[in-house]
C-alpha atoms as a PDB file:
ATOM      1  CA  MET A   1     -12.407  13.794  12.019  1.00  0.00           C
ATOM      2  CA  ASP A   2     -12.647  10.390  13.719  1.00  0.00           C
ATOM      3  CA  ILE A   3     -10.401  10.014  16.747  1.00  0.00           C
ATOM      4  CA  LYS A   4      -8.247   7.235  15.310  1.00  0.00           C
ATOM      5  CA  SER A   5      -7.236   9.538  12.441  1.00  0.00           C
ATOM      6  CA  MET A   6      -6.145  12.251  14.878  1.00  0.00           C
ATOM      7  CA  THR A   7      -2.569  12.943  16.064  1.00  0.00           C
ATOM      8  CA  LEU A   8      -1.713  13.132  19.739  1.00  0.00           C
ATOM      9  CA  GLU A   9      -1.553  16.917  19.468  1.00  0.00           C
ATOM     10  CA  GLU A  10      -5.072  16.943  18.029  1.00  0.00           C
ATOM     11  CA  VAL A  11      -6.379  14.610  20.743  1.00  0.00           C
ATOM     12  CA  LYS A  12      -5.164  16.822  23.597  1.00  0.00           C
ATOM     13  CA  PRO A  13      -7.629  19.708  23.116  1.00  0.00           C
ATOM     14  CA  LEU A  14     -10.487  17.206  22.690  1.00  0.00           C
ATOM     15  CA  VAL A  15      -9.637  15.652  26.057  1.00  0.00           C
ATOM     16  CA  GLU A  16      -9.480  19.081  27.710  1.00  0.00           C
ATOM     17  CA  GLU A  17     -12.814  20.062  26.185  1.00  0.00           C
ATOM     18  CA  LEU A  18     -14.332  17.007  27.885  1.00  0.00           C
ATOM     19  CA  GLY A  19     -12.983  18.283  31.239  1.00  0.00           C
ATOM     20  CA  GLU A  20     -10.169  15.760  31.666  1.00  0.00           C
ATOM     21  CA  LYS A  21      -6.556  16.496  32.496  1.00  0.00           C
ATOM     22  CA  SER A  22      -4.113  16.603  29.588  1.00  0.00           C
ATOM     23  CA  PHE A  23      -2.230  13.466  30.526  1.00  0.00           C
ATOM     24  CA  ARG A  24      -5.389  11.475  29.643  1.00  0.00           C
ATOM     25  CA  ALA A  25      -4.672  12.210  25.959  1.00  0.00           C
ATOM     26  CA  ALA A  26      -1.483  10.149  26.019  1.00  0.00           C
ATOM     27  CA  GLN A  27      -3.268   7.320  27.745  1.00  0.00           C
ATOM     28  CA  LEU A  28      -6.114   7.385  25.226  1.00  0.00           C
ATOM     29  CA  TYR A  29      -3.660   7.599  22.278  1.00  0.00           C
ATOM     30  CA  GLN A  30      -1.734   4.592  23.635  1.00  0.00           C
ATOM     31  CA  TRP A  31      -4.893   2.516  23.862  1.00  0.00           C
ATOM     32  CA  LEU A  32      -5.805   3.373  20.281  1.00  0.00           C
ATOM     33  CA  HIS A  33      -2.414   2.960  18.555  1.00  0.00           C
ATOM     34  CA  GLU A  34      -0.182   0.801  20.760  1.00  0.00           C
ATOM     35  CA  LYS A  35      -2.495  -1.469  22.711  1.00  0.00           C
ATOM     36  CA  LEU A  36      -4.880  -1.574  19.663  1.00  0.00           C
ATOM     37  CA  ALA A  37      -8.055  -1.442  21.776  1.00  0.00           C
ATOM     38  CA  GLU A  38     -11.220  -2.250  19.878  1.00  0.00           C
ATOM     39  CA  SER A  39     -13.540  -0.313  22.260  1.00  0.00           C
ATOM     40  CA  TYR A  40     -13.475   2.365  24.868  1.00  0.00           C
ATOM     41  CA  GLU A  41     -14.656  -0.236  27.428  1.00  0.00           C
ATOM     42  CA  GLU A  42     -11.156  -1.830  27.258  1.00  0.00           C
ATOM     43  CA  MET A  43      -9.474   1.378  28.419  1.00  0.00           C
ATOM     44  CA  LEU A  44      -9.673   0.578  32.081  1.00  0.00           C
ATOM     45  CA  ASN A  45      -7.297   3.350  33.351  1.00  0.00           C
ATOM     46  CA  LEU A  46      -9.669   6.000  31.920  1.00  0.00           C
ATOM     47  CA  PRO A  47     -12.641   7.230  33.972  1.00  0.00           C
ATOM     48  CA  ILE A  48     -15.911   5.472  33.149  1.00  0.00           C
ATOM     49  CA  ASP A  49     -17.765   8.747  32.478  1.00  0.00           C
ATOM     50  CA  PHE A  50     -14.972   9.899  30.145  1.00  0.00           C
ATOM     51  CA  ARG A  51     -15.163   6.672  28.197  1.00  0.00           C
ATOM     52  CA  ARG A  52     -18.977   6.993  27.900  1.00  0.00           C
ATOM     53  CA  ARG A  53     -18.700  10.549  26.510  1.00  0.00           C
ATOM     54  CA  LEU A  54     -16.007   9.538  24.072  1.00  0.00           C
ATOM     55  CA  GLY A  55     -18.204   6.765  22.766  1.00  0.00           C
ATOM     56  CA  GLU A  56     -21.029   9.223  22.163  1.00  0.00           C
ATOM     57  CA  LEU A  57     -18.836  11.927  20.586  1.00  0.00           C
ATOM     58  CA  LYS A  58     -16.191   9.910  18.770  1.00  0.00           C
ATOM     59  CA  PRO A  59     -17.300   6.366  17.822  1.00  0.00           C
ATOM     60  CA  LEU A  60     -14.332   4.200  16.940  1.00  0.00           C
ATOM     61  CA  VAL A  61     -13.776   3.249  13.326  1.00  0.00           C
ATOM     62  CA  LYS A  62     -13.694  -0.555  13.252  1.00  0.00           C
ATOM     63  CA  LEU A  63     -13.401  -3.081  10.419  1.00  0.00           C
ATOM     64  CA  ARG A  64     -15.191  -6.394  10.355  1.00  0.00           C
ATOM     65  CA  THR A  65     -13.239  -9.401   9.141  1.00  0.00           C
ATOM     66  CA  VAL A  66     -15.337 -11.015   6.416  1.00  0.00           C
ATOM     67  CA  GLN A  67     -12.931 -13.658   5.209  1.00  0.00           C
ATOM     68  CA  VAL A  68      -9.394 -14.915   5.692  1.00  0.00           C
ATOM     69  CA  GLN A  69      -7.692 -17.113   3.143  1.00  0.00           C
ATOM     70  CA  GLU A  70      -4.375 -18.760   4.004  1.00  0.00           C
ATOM     71  CA  SER A  71      -2.016 -20.111   1.346  1.00  0.00           C
ATOM     72  CA  ALA A  72      -1.140 -23.728   1.675  1.00  0.00           C
ATOM     73  CA  GLN A  73       2.014 -22.965  -0.300  1.00  0.00           C
ATOM     74  CA  ASP A  74       3.682 -20.223   1.741  1.00  0.00           C
ATOM     75  CA  GLY A  75       1.402 -19.186   4.642  1.00  0.00           C
ATOM     76  CA  THR A  76       0.464 -15.912   3.090  1.00  0.00           C
ATOM     77  CA  ARG A  77      -2.952 -14.633   4.334  1.00  0.00           C
ATOM     78  CA  LYS A  78      -5.409 -12.637   2.372  1.00  0.00           C
ATOM     79  CA  TYR A  79      -7.961 -10.640   4.415  1.00  0.00           C
ATOM     80  CA  LEU A  80     -11.237  -9.205   3.258  1.00  0.00           C
ATOM     81  CA  PHE A  81     -12.536  -6.475   5.544  1.00  0.00           C
ATOM     82  CA  GLU A  82     -15.884  -4.709   5.673  1.00  0.00           C
ATOM     83  CA  LEU A  83     -15.783  -0.996   6.366  1.00  0.00           C
ATOM     84  CA  PRO A  84     -18.380   0.792   8.531  1.00  0.00           C
ATOM     85  CA  ASP A  85     -20.351   1.811   5.406  1.00  0.00           C
ATOM     86  CA  GLY A  86     -20.484  -1.783   4.051  1.00  0.00           C
ATOM     87  CA  ASN A  87     -17.711  -1.379   1.450  1.00  0.00           C
ATOM     88  CA  LEU A  88     -15.018  -4.030   1.194  1.00  0.00           C
ATOM     89  CA  VAL A  89     -11.192  -3.803   1.088  1.00  0.00           C
ATOM     90  CA  GLU A  90      -8.392  -6.326   0.950  1.00  0.00           C
ATOM     91  CA  SER A  91      -5.129  -6.670   2.801  1.00  0.00           C
ATOM     92  CA  VAL A  92      -2.297  -9.255   2.657  1.00  0.00           C
ATOM     93  CA  TRP A  93      -0.102 -10.583   5.405  1.00  0.00           C
ATOM     94  CA  MET A  94       3.250 -12.029   4.206  1.00  0.00           C
ATOM     95  CA  LYS A  95       5.858 -13.749   6.309  1.00  0.00           C
ATOM     96  CA  TYR A  96       9.482 -13.373   5.299  1.00  0.00           C
ATOM     97  CA  HIS A  97      12.758 -14.402   7.010  1.00  0.00           C
ATOM     98  CA  HIS A  98      13.447 -10.727   7.756  1.00  0.00           C
ATOM     99  CA  GLY A  99      10.042 -10.070   9.338  1.00  0.00           C
ATOM    100  CA  ASN A 100       6.321  -9.772   8.603  1.00  0.00           C
ATOM    101  CA  SER A 101       4.958  -7.444   5.909  1.00  0.00           C
ATOM    102  CA  ILE A 102       1.409  -6.174   5.451  1.00  0.00           C
ATOM    103  CA  CYS A 103       0.136  -4.873   2.149  1.00  0.00           C
ATOM    104  CA  ILE A 104      -2.824  -2.535   2.637  1.00  0.00           C
ATOM    105  CA  SER A 105      -5.377  -0.789   0.410  1.00  0.00           C
ATOM    106  CA  SER A 106      -5.746   2.975   0.205  1.00  0.00           C
ATOM    107  CA  GLN A 107      -9.038   3.205  -1.715  1.00  0.00           C
ATOM    108  CA  VAL A 108     -12.251   1.268  -2.258  1.00  0.00           C
ATOM    109  CA  GLY A 109     -11.714   0.357  -5.877  1.00  0.00           C
ATOM    110  CA  CYS A 110      -9.487   2.374  -8.202  1.00  0.00           C
ATOM    111  CA  ARG A 111      -9.960   4.742 -11.147  1.00  0.00           C
ATOM    112  CA  MET A 112      -6.504   4.341 -12.752  1.00  0.00           C
ATOM    113  CA  GLY A 113      -7.645   1.611 -15.139  1.00  0.00           C
ATOM    114  CA  CYS A 114      -4.436  -0.513 -15.310  1.00  0.00           C
ATOM    115  CA  ARG A 115      -5.251  -3.342 -17.710  1.00  0.00           C
ATOM    116  CA  PHE A 116      -3.766  -6.232 -15.721  1.00  0.00           C
ATOM    117  CA  CYS A 117      -5.239  -5.249 -12.307  1.00  0.00           C
ATOM    118  CA  ALA A 118      -8.545  -6.561 -10.864  1.00  0.00           C
ATOM    119  CA  SER A 119      -8.792  -3.579  -8.467  1.00  0.00           C
ATOM    120  CA  THR A 120      -9.857  -1.195 -11.206  1.00  0.00           C
ATOM    121  CA  LEU A 121     -12.468  -3.288 -12.957  1.00  0.00           C
ATOM    122  CA  ASP A 122     -15.407  -1.674 -11.085  1.00  0.00           C
ATOM    123  CA  GLY A 123     -13.885   1.837 -10.780  1.00  0.00           C
ATOM    124  CA  LEU A 124     -13.411   3.995  -7.700  1.00  0.00           C
ATOM    125  CA  GLU A 125     -15.968   4.005  -4.875  1.00  0.00           C
ATOM    126  CA  ARG A 126     -14.175   6.272  -2.397  1.00  0.00           C
ATOM    127  CA  ASN A 127     -10.962   7.074  -0.544  1.00  0.00           C
ATOM    128  CA  LEU A 128     -10.101   5.351   2.724  1.00  0.00           C
ATOM    129  CA  LEU A 129      -9.738   7.357   5.927  1.00  0.00           C
ATOM    130  CA  PRO A 130      -6.375   7.254   7.713  1.00  0.00           C
ATOM    131  CA  SER A 131      -8.088   5.224  10.451  1.00  0.00           C
ATOM    132  CA  GLU A 132      -9.358   2.690   7.895  1.00  0.00           C
ATOM    133  CA  MET A 133      -5.841   2.258   6.553  1.00  0.00           C
ATOM    134  CA  LEU A 134      -4.472   1.847  10.101  1.00  0.00           C
ATOM    135  CA  GLU A 135      -7.216  -0.615  11.054  1.00  0.00           C
ATOM    136  CA  GLN A 136      -6.209  -3.032   8.279  1.00  0.00           C
ATOM    137  CA  ILE A 137      -2.871  -3.315  10.031  1.00  0.00           C
ATOM    138  CA  TYR A 138      -4.280  -3.334  13.557  1.00  0.00           C
ATOM    139  CA  CYS A 139      -6.817  -6.095  12.686  1.00  0.00           C
ATOM    140  CA  ILE A 140      -4.098  -8.298  11.212  1.00  0.00           C
ATOM    141  CA  VAL A 141      -1.721  -7.733  14.170  1.00  0.00           C
ATOM    142  CA  ARG A 142      -4.560  -8.662  16.577  1.00  0.00           C
ATOM    143  CA  HIS A 143      -5.397 -11.780  14.489  1.00  0.00           C
ATOM    144  CA  THR A 144      -1.815 -13.055  14.042  1.00  0.00           C
ATOM    145  CA  GLY A 145      -0.473 -11.950  17.424  1.00  0.00           C
ATOM    146  CA  GLU A 146       2.786 -11.049  15.627  1.00  0.00           C
ATOM    147  CA  ARG A 147       4.583  -7.761  15.174  1.00  0.00           C
ATOM    148  CA  VAL A 148       4.677  -6.202  11.742  1.00  0.00           C
ATOM    149  CA  SER A 149       7.968  -4.793  10.482  1.00  0.00           C
ATOM    150  CA  ASN A 150       7.160  -3.601   6.944  1.00  0.00           C
ATOM    151  CA  ILE A 151       4.154  -1.818   5.428  1.00  0.00           C
ATOM    152  CA  VAL A 152       3.436  -1.757   1.720  1.00  0.00           C
ATOM    153  CA  VAL A 153       0.700   0.558   0.474  1.00  0.00           C
ATOM    154  CA  MET A 154       0.270  -1.359  -2.766  1.00  0.00           C
ATOM    155  CA  GLY A 155      -3.145  -2.967  -2.431  1.00  0.00           C
ATOM    156  CA  THR A 156      -6.395  -1.751  -3.958  1.00  0.00           C
ATOM    157  CA  GLY A 157      -6.290   1.923  -5.038  1.00  0.00           C
ATOM    158  CA  GLU A 158      -3.779   4.533  -6.076  1.00  0.00           C
ATOM    159  CA  PRO A 159      -2.218   5.861  -2.831  1.00  0.00           C
ATOM    160  CA  LEU A 160      -1.249   9.254  -4.305  1.00  0.00           C
ATOM    161  CA  ASP A 161      -4.855   9.732  -5.453  1.00  0.00           C
ATOM    162  CA  ASN A 162      -5.669   9.782  -1.726  1.00  0.00           C
ATOM    163  CA  TYR A 163      -2.732  12.034  -0.877  1.00  0.00           C
ATOM    164  CA  GLU A 164      -3.770  13.867   2.339  1.00  0.00           C
ATOM    165  CA  HIS A 165      -5.095  10.742   4.024  1.00  0.00           C
ATOM    166  CA  LEU A 166      -2.007   8.741   2.962  1.00  0.00           C
ATOM    167  CA  LEU A 167       0.305  11.347   4.494  1.00  0.00           C
ATOM    168  CA  ARG A 168      -1.601  11.393   7.755  1.00  0.00           C
ATOM    169  CA  PHE A 169      -1.565   7.564   7.842  1.00  0.00           C
ATOM    170  CA  ILE A 170       2.223   7.583   7.402  1.00  0.00           C
ATOM    171  CA  ARG A 171       2.630  10.077  10.272  1.00  0.00           C
ATOM    172  CA  LEU A 172       0.424   8.049  12.534  1.00  0.00           C
ATOM    173  CA  ILE A 173       2.036   4.625  11.835  1.00  0.00           C
ATOM    174  CA  THR A 174       5.549   5.894  12.307  1.00  0.00           C
ATOM    175  CA  VAL A 175       5.205   8.150  15.349  1.00  0.00           C
ATOM    176  CA  ARG A 176       6.169   7.110  18.881  1.00  0.00           C
ATOM    177  CA  GLY A 177       3.193   6.098  20.930  1.00  0.00           C
ATOM    178  CA  GLY A 178       1.858   3.871  18.222  1.00  0.00           C
ATOM    179  CA  LEU A 179       3.361   0.972  16.330  1.00  0.00           C
ATOM    180  CA  ASN A 180       6.372   3.208  15.670  1.00  0.00           C
ATOM    181  CA  ILE A 181       7.347   1.636  12.357  1.00  0.00           C
ATOM    182  CA  SER A 182      10.358   3.167  10.706  1.00  0.00           C
ATOM    183  CA  GLN A 183       9.631   5.290   7.649  1.00  0.00           C
ATOM    184  CA  ARG A 184      12.346   3.332   5.859  1.00  0.00           C
ATOM    185  CA  ASN A 185      10.212   0.222   6.269  1.00  0.00           C
ATOM    186  CA  ILE A 186       7.266   1.759   4.430  1.00  0.00           C
ATOM    187  CA  THR A 187       6.775   1.523   0.695  1.00  0.00           C
ATOM    188  CA  VAL A 188       4.217   3.523  -1.277  1.00  0.00           C
ATOM    189  CA  SER A 189       3.389   2.414  -4.791  1.00  0.00           C
ATOM    190  CA  THR A 190       2.131   4.706  -7.529  1.00  0.00           C
ATOM    191  CA  CYS A 191       1.212   4.303 -11.172  1.00  0.00           C
ATOM    192  CA  GLY A 192       2.874   7.626 -11.882  1.00  0.00           C
ATOM    193  CA  LEU A 193       0.932  10.737 -10.753  1.00  0.00           C
ATOM    194  CA  VAL A 194       3.707  13.219 -11.518  1.00  0.00           C
ATOM    195  CA  PRO A 195       2.532  16.287  -9.533  1.00  0.00           C
ATOM    196  CA  GLN A 196       1.933  14.142  -6.422  1.00  0.00           C
ATOM    197  CA  ILE A 197       5.356  12.419  -6.728  1.00  0.00           C
ATOM    198  CA  LYS A 198       7.030  15.799  -6.707  1.00  0.00           C
ATOM    199  CA  ARG A 199       4.884  16.961  -3.829  1.00  0.00           C
ATOM    200  CA  LEU A 200       5.734  13.842  -1.878  1.00  0.00           C
ATOM    201  CA  ALA A 201       9.428  14.492  -2.534  1.00  0.00           C
ATOM    202  CA  GLN A 202       9.096  17.859  -0.819  1.00  0.00           C
ATOM    203  CA  GLU A 203       7.766  16.199   2.344  1.00  0.00           C
ATOM    204  CA  LYS A 204      11.304  14.800   2.824  1.00  0.00           C
ATOM    205  CA  LEU A 205      10.024  11.545   4.197  1.00  0.00           C
ATOM    206  CA  GLN A 206      12.261   8.470   4.257  1.00  0.00           C
ATOM    207  CA  ILE A 207       9.752   6.070   2.728  1.00  0.00           C
ATOM    208  CA  THR A 208      10.436   4.051  -0.397  1.00  0.00           C
ATOM    209  CA  LEU A 209       8.673   5.166  -3.554  1.00  0.00           C
ATOM    210  CA  ALA A 210       7.744   2.299  -5.918  1.00  0.00           C
ATOM    211  CA  LEU A 211       6.744   3.323  -9.439  1.00  0.00           C
ATOM    212  CA  SER A 212       4.610   0.906 -11.496  1.00  0.00           C
ATOM    213  CA  LEU A 213       6.515   1.197 -14.766  1.00  0.00           C
ATOM    214  CA  HIS A 214       5.631  -1.977 -16.669  1.00  0.00           C
ATOM    215  CA  ALA A 215       6.886  -0.826 -20.083  1.00  0.00           C
ATOM    216  CA  PRO A 216       9.947   1.058 -21.378  1.00  0.00           C
ATOM    217  CA  PHE A 217       8.058   2.641 -24.316  1.00  0.00           C
ATOM    218  CA  ASP A 218       5.296   5.229 -24.136  1.00  0.00           C
ATOM    219  CA  GLU A 219       3.125   3.408 -26.636  1.00  0.00           C
ATOM    220  CA  LYS A 220       3.241   0.085 -24.774  1.00  0.00           C
ATOM    221  CA  ARG A 221       2.781   1.780 -21.423  1.00  0.00           C
ATOM    222  CA  ARG A 222      -0.349   3.539 -22.693  1.00  0.00           C
ATOM    223  CA  GLU A 223      -1.784   0.176 -23.671  1.00  0.00           C
ATOM    224  CA  LEU A 224      -1.204  -1.261 -20.167  1.00  0.00           C
ATOM    225  CA  MET A 225      -1.780   1.911 -18.115  1.00  0.00           C
ATOM    226  CA  PRO A 226      -4.175   4.715 -19.077  1.00  0.00           C
ATOM    227  CA  ILE A 227      -2.376   7.123 -16.789  1.00  0.00           C
ATOM    228  CA  ALA A 228       0.457   7.079 -19.390  1.00  0.00           C
ATOM    229  CA  ASN A 229      -1.830   9.100 -21.673  1.00  0.00           C
ATOM    230  CA  ARG A 230      -1.531  11.971 -19.175  1.00  0.00           C
ATOM    231  CA  TYR A 231       2.150  11.676 -18.214  1.00  0.00           C
ATOM    232  CA  SER A 232       4.905  10.576 -20.576  1.00  0.00           C
ATOM    233  CA  LEU A 233       7.773   8.301 -19.522  1.00  0.00           C
ATOM    234  CA  THR A 234      10.085  11.306 -19.685  1.00  0.00           C
ATOM    235  CA  GLU A 235       7.921  13.179 -17.164  1.00  0.00           C
ATOM    236  CA  VAL A 236       7.552  10.154 -14.892  1.00  0.00           C
ATOM    237  CA  ILE A 237      11.247   9.307 -14.835  1.00  0.00           C
ATOM    238  CA  GLU A 238      12.107  12.964 -14.188  1.00  0.00           C
ATOM    239  CA  ALA A 239       9.700  13.028 -11.203  1.00  0.00           C
ATOM    240  CA  CYS A 240      11.385   9.886  -9.855  1.00  0.00           C
ATOM    241  CA  ARG A 241      14.794  11.446 -10.247  1.00  0.00           C
ATOM    242  CA  TYR A 242      13.550  14.508  -8.367  1.00  0.00           C
ATOM    243  CA  TYR A 243      12.213  12.276  -5.589  1.00  0.00           C
ATOM    244  CA  ALA A 244      15.580  10.534  -5.223  1.00  0.00           C
ATOM    245  CA  GLU A 245      17.448  13.844  -5.182  1.00  0.00           C
ATOM    246  CA  GLN A 246      15.176  15.374  -2.534  1.00  0.00           C
ATOM    247  CA  THR A 247      15.018  12.417  -0.195  1.00  0.00           C
ATOM    248  CA  GLY A 248      18.250  10.486  -0.827  1.00  0.00           C
ATOM    249  CA  ARG A 249      16.133   7.371  -1.207  1.00  0.00           C
ATOM    250  CA  ARG A 250      16.545   4.840  -4.008  1.00  0.00           C
ATOM    251  CA  VAL A 251      13.445   4.498  -6.151  1.00  0.00           C
ATOM    252  CA  THR A 252      11.988   1.069  -6.875  1.00  0.00           C
ATOM    253  CA  PHE A 253      10.529   0.403 -10.365  1.00  0.00           C
ATOM    254  CA  GLU A 254       7.870  -2.311 -10.488  1.00  0.00           C
ATOM    255  CA  TYR A 255       7.796  -4.171 -13.796  1.00  0.00           C
ATOM    256  CA  ALA A 256       5.086  -6.757 -14.333  1.00  0.00           C
ATOM    257  CA  LEU A 257       6.195  -9.179 -17.075  1.00  0.00           C
ATOM    258  CA  VAL A 258       3.320 -10.062 -19.424  1.00  0.00           C
ATOM    259  CA  ALA A 259       3.951 -12.787 -22.009  1.00  0.00           C
ATOM    260  CA  GLY A 260       4.347 -11.377 -25.498  1.00  0.00           C
ATOM    261  CA  VAL A 261       3.638  -7.784 -24.391  1.00  0.00           C
ATOM    262  CA  ASN A 262       6.674  -6.369 -22.515  1.00  0.00           C
ATOM    263  CA  ASP A 263       9.097  -9.257 -21.942  1.00  0.00           C
ATOM    264  CA  SER A 264      11.270  -9.196 -25.148  1.00  0.00           C
ATOM    265  CA  LYS A 265      14.948  -8.598 -25.464  1.00  0.00           C
ATOM    266  CA  GLU A 266      14.175  -5.206 -26.976  1.00  0.00           C
ATOM    267  CA  ASP A 267      12.074  -4.323 -23.923  1.00  0.00           C
ATOM    268  CA  ALA A 268      14.937  -5.346 -21.595  1.00  0.00           C
ATOM    269  CA  ALA A 269      17.444  -3.248 -23.557  1.00  0.00           C
ATOM    270  CA  ALA A 270      15.098  -0.222 -23.634  1.00  0.00           C
ATOM    271  CA  LEU A 271      14.463  -0.514 -19.870  1.00  0.00           C
ATOM    272  CA  GLU A 272      18.155  -0.623 -19.204  1.00  0.00           C
ATOM    273  CA  ARG A 273      18.767   2.561 -21.229  1.00  0.00           C
ATOM    274  CA  LEU A 274      15.881   4.297 -19.481  1.00  0.00           C
ATOM    275  CA  LEU A 275      16.968   3.528 -15.923  1.00  0.00           C
ATOM    276  CA  LYS A 276      20.779   3.323 -16.100  1.00  0.00           C
ATOM    277  CA  PRO A 277      21.321   6.971 -15.099  1.00  0.00           C
ATOM    278  CA  LEU A 278      19.228   6.514 -11.905  1.00  0.00           C
ATOM    279  CA  ASN A 279      20.013   5.122  -8.484  1.00  0.00           C
ATOM    280  CA  CYS A 280      17.239   2.617  -8.546  1.00  0.00           C
ATOM    281  CA  HIS A 281      16.058  -0.985  -8.078  1.00  0.00           C
ATOM    282  CA  VAL A 282      13.910  -2.991 -10.492  1.00  0.00           C
ATOM    283  CA  ASN A 283      11.428  -5.450  -9.101  1.00  0.00           C
ATOM    284  CA  LEU A 284      10.367  -7.917 -11.834  1.00  0.00           C
ATOM    285  CA  ILE A 285       6.924  -9.282 -11.173  1.00  0.00           C
ATOM    286  CA  PRO A 286       5.575 -12.391 -12.907  1.00  0.00           C
ATOM    287  CA  VAL A 287       2.093 -11.025 -13.582  1.00  0.00           C
ATOM    288  CA  ASN A 288      -0.701 -12.626 -11.552  1.00  0.00           C
ATOM    289  CA  PRO A 289      -3.375 -13.496 -14.261  1.00  0.00           C
ATOM    290  CA  ILE A 290      -6.931 -12.398 -13.744  1.00  0.00           C
ATOM    291  CA  LYS A 291      -9.765 -14.089 -15.633  1.00  0.00           C
ATOM    292  CA  GLU A 292     -11.237 -10.783 -16.915  1.00  0.00           C
ATOM    293  CA  ARG A 293      -8.109 -10.139 -18.961  1.00  0.00           C
ATOM    294  CA  GLU A 294      -6.156 -12.100 -21.517  1.00  0.00           C
ATOM    295  CA  TYR A 295      -2.698 -11.311 -20.091  1.00  0.00           C
ATOM    296  CA  ARG A 296      -0.597 -14.278 -19.100  1.00  0.00           C
ATOM    297  CA  GLN A 297       2.613 -14.698 -17.141  1.00  0.00           C
ATOM    298  CA  SER A 298       5.910 -14.717 -19.045  1.00  0.00           C
ATOM    299  CA  ALA A 299       7.804 -18.004 -19.337  1.00  0.00           C
ATOM    300  CA  ARG A 300      10.443 -18.510 -16.633  1.00  0.00           C
ATOM    301  CA  THR A 301      13.190 -18.460 -19.293  1.00  0.00           C
ATOM    302  CA  HIS A 302      12.062 -15.034 -20.478  1.00  0.00           C
ATOM    303  CA  ILE A 303      11.970 -13.745 -16.869  1.00  0.00           C
ATOM    304  CA  GLU A 304      15.487 -15.001 -16.159  1.00  0.00           C
ATOM    305  CA  ALA A 305      16.842 -13.588 -19.477  1.00  0.00           C
ATOM    306  CA  PHE A 306      15.274 -10.220 -18.727  1.00  0.00           C
ATOM    307  CA  LYS A 307      16.872 -10.191 -15.265  1.00  0.00           C
ATOM    308  CA  LYS A 308      20.309 -11.199 -16.597  1.00  0.00           C
ATOM    309  CA  HIS A 309      20.315  -8.408 -19.185  1.00  0.00           C
ATOM    310  CA  LEU A 310      19.645  -5.782 -16.475  1.00  0.00           C
ATOM    311  CA  GLU A 311      22.238  -7.322 -14.117  1.00  0.00           C
ATOM    312  CA  LYS A 312      24.839  -7.378 -16.903  1.00  0.00           C
ATOM    313  CA  ASN A 313      24.342  -3.655 -17.277  1.00  0.00           C
ATOM    314  CA  LYS A 314      24.711  -3.024 -13.574  1.00  0.00           C
ATOM    315  CA  ILE A 315      21.080  -2.348 -12.702  1.00  0.00           C
ATOM    316  CA  ASN A 316      19.971  -3.751  -9.337  1.00  0.00           C
ATOM    317  CA  VAL A 317      17.157  -6.214  -9.992  1.00  0.00           C
ATOM    318  CA  THR A 318      15.208  -8.961  -8.277  1.00  0.00           C
ATOM    319  CA  ILE A 319      12.352 -11.232  -9.264  1.00  0.00           C
ATOM    320  CA  ARG A 320       9.531 -10.877  -6.791  1.00  0.00           C
ATOM    321  CA  ARG A 321       8.771 -14.044  -4.928  1.00  0.00           C
ATOM    322  CA  GLU A 322       5.328 -15.222  -5.910  1.00  0.00           C
ATOM    323  CA  MET A 323       3.107 -15.491  -2.860  1.00  0.00           C
ATOM    324  CA  GLY A 324      -0.564 -16.203  -2.393  1.00  0.00           C
ATOM    325  CA  ARG A 325      -1.210 -17.523  -5.906  1.00  0.00           C
ATOM    326  CA  ASP A 326      -3.636 -20.097  -4.509  1.00  0.00           C
ATOM    327  CA  ILE A 327      -5.677 -17.567  -2.462  1.00  0.00           C
ATOM    328  CA  ASP A 328      -6.665 -14.772  -4.866  1.00  0.00           C
ATOM    329  CA  GLY A 329      -3.418 -13.051  -4.008  1.00  0.00           C
ATOM    330  CA  ALA A 330      -3.514 -10.326  -6.647  1.00  0.00           C
ATOM    331  CA  CYS A 331      -5.042  -6.950  -5.806  1.00  0.00           C
ATOM    332  CA  GLY A 332      -8.835  -6.899  -6.048  1.00  0.00           C
ATOM    333  CA  GLN A 333      -9.381 -10.576  -6.812  1.00  0.00           C
ATOM    334  CA  LEU A 334     -10.924 -11.705  -3.489  1.00  0.00           C
ATOM    335  CA  ARG A 335     -13.055  -8.546  -3.160  1.00  0.00           C
ATOM    336  CA  ARG A 336     -14.378  -8.870  -6.668  1.00  0.00           C
ATOM    337  CA  ARG A 337     -15.189 -12.575  -6.301  1.00  0.00           C
ATOM    338  CA  HIS A 338     -16.946 -11.999  -2.991  1.00  0.00           C
ATOM    339  CA  ILE A 339     -19.121  -9.177  -4.388  1.00  0.00           C
ATOM    340  CA  LYS A 340     -20.008 -11.253  -7.428  1.00  0.00           C
ATOM    341  CA  ASN A 341     -21.006 -14.213  -5.302  1.00  0.00           C
END
């Protein structure tokens, strides 16, 4: 395991094996996860020989910034990073009045096949290491010079398809000695892997689970999301109910509105009936069109009518603020365009 993916308790025996006193582990860990050092040479309070041996034994996982796009509309920044093996991933930095949020990727590509998402067009290449997930955040913090308050694992990939690495990432980003971000400020999005949702519930974390729902009928959901062929809406909703019961956390349901597909009055009524028994929040998303698909964004009047129907029936709902539309803001767009070029 690379050293940036290791916990402090795992770093301690490594330090002792190299003949150093145990307190060096905390110093090393602080350099990696709080001071965000990019090389062992920066760690000036560590002995030179110790740094040299670390470099030989545990080379640091580093990402190279390939491209940064900044929105002229809202200041959102889209980052394209190159991994050590040459693969590319995307991350997004968003500035809100309540703090800065970073949306990170969990895989190179994706195998879930959701019809409106550019991330899945070329399939899955591999899972990201915990360190590669962390480095997306660390690179952006170094670049902006600003603290991040919220993390969203909602970029390229299905996070629960990379379960063990995701869990380790969450432990590392929330622990003292690192960025120490509250679990309540972390959101993990899933297309609906039922066994993993239930397993995550048993971890008793305080993160927010966001389910990509996108349709209130099984038939429509299967058209948009191939994963619905494996797990029915009944199974997915039951898993979300279980997550809420085990963690005490309200579940968020992501609903991308696609013109003429899932934005009718009947869809709104069916969604209301499906979710009314749950303590939940609905996030309506005006779909971000991709040229490889024919899906288009719903008219604003349809979006507002959909929202009003849910509100009238006492379901918490918001319309996601559109950000980064002018900079390939949707998942997978920038990476795909860069590879094609």
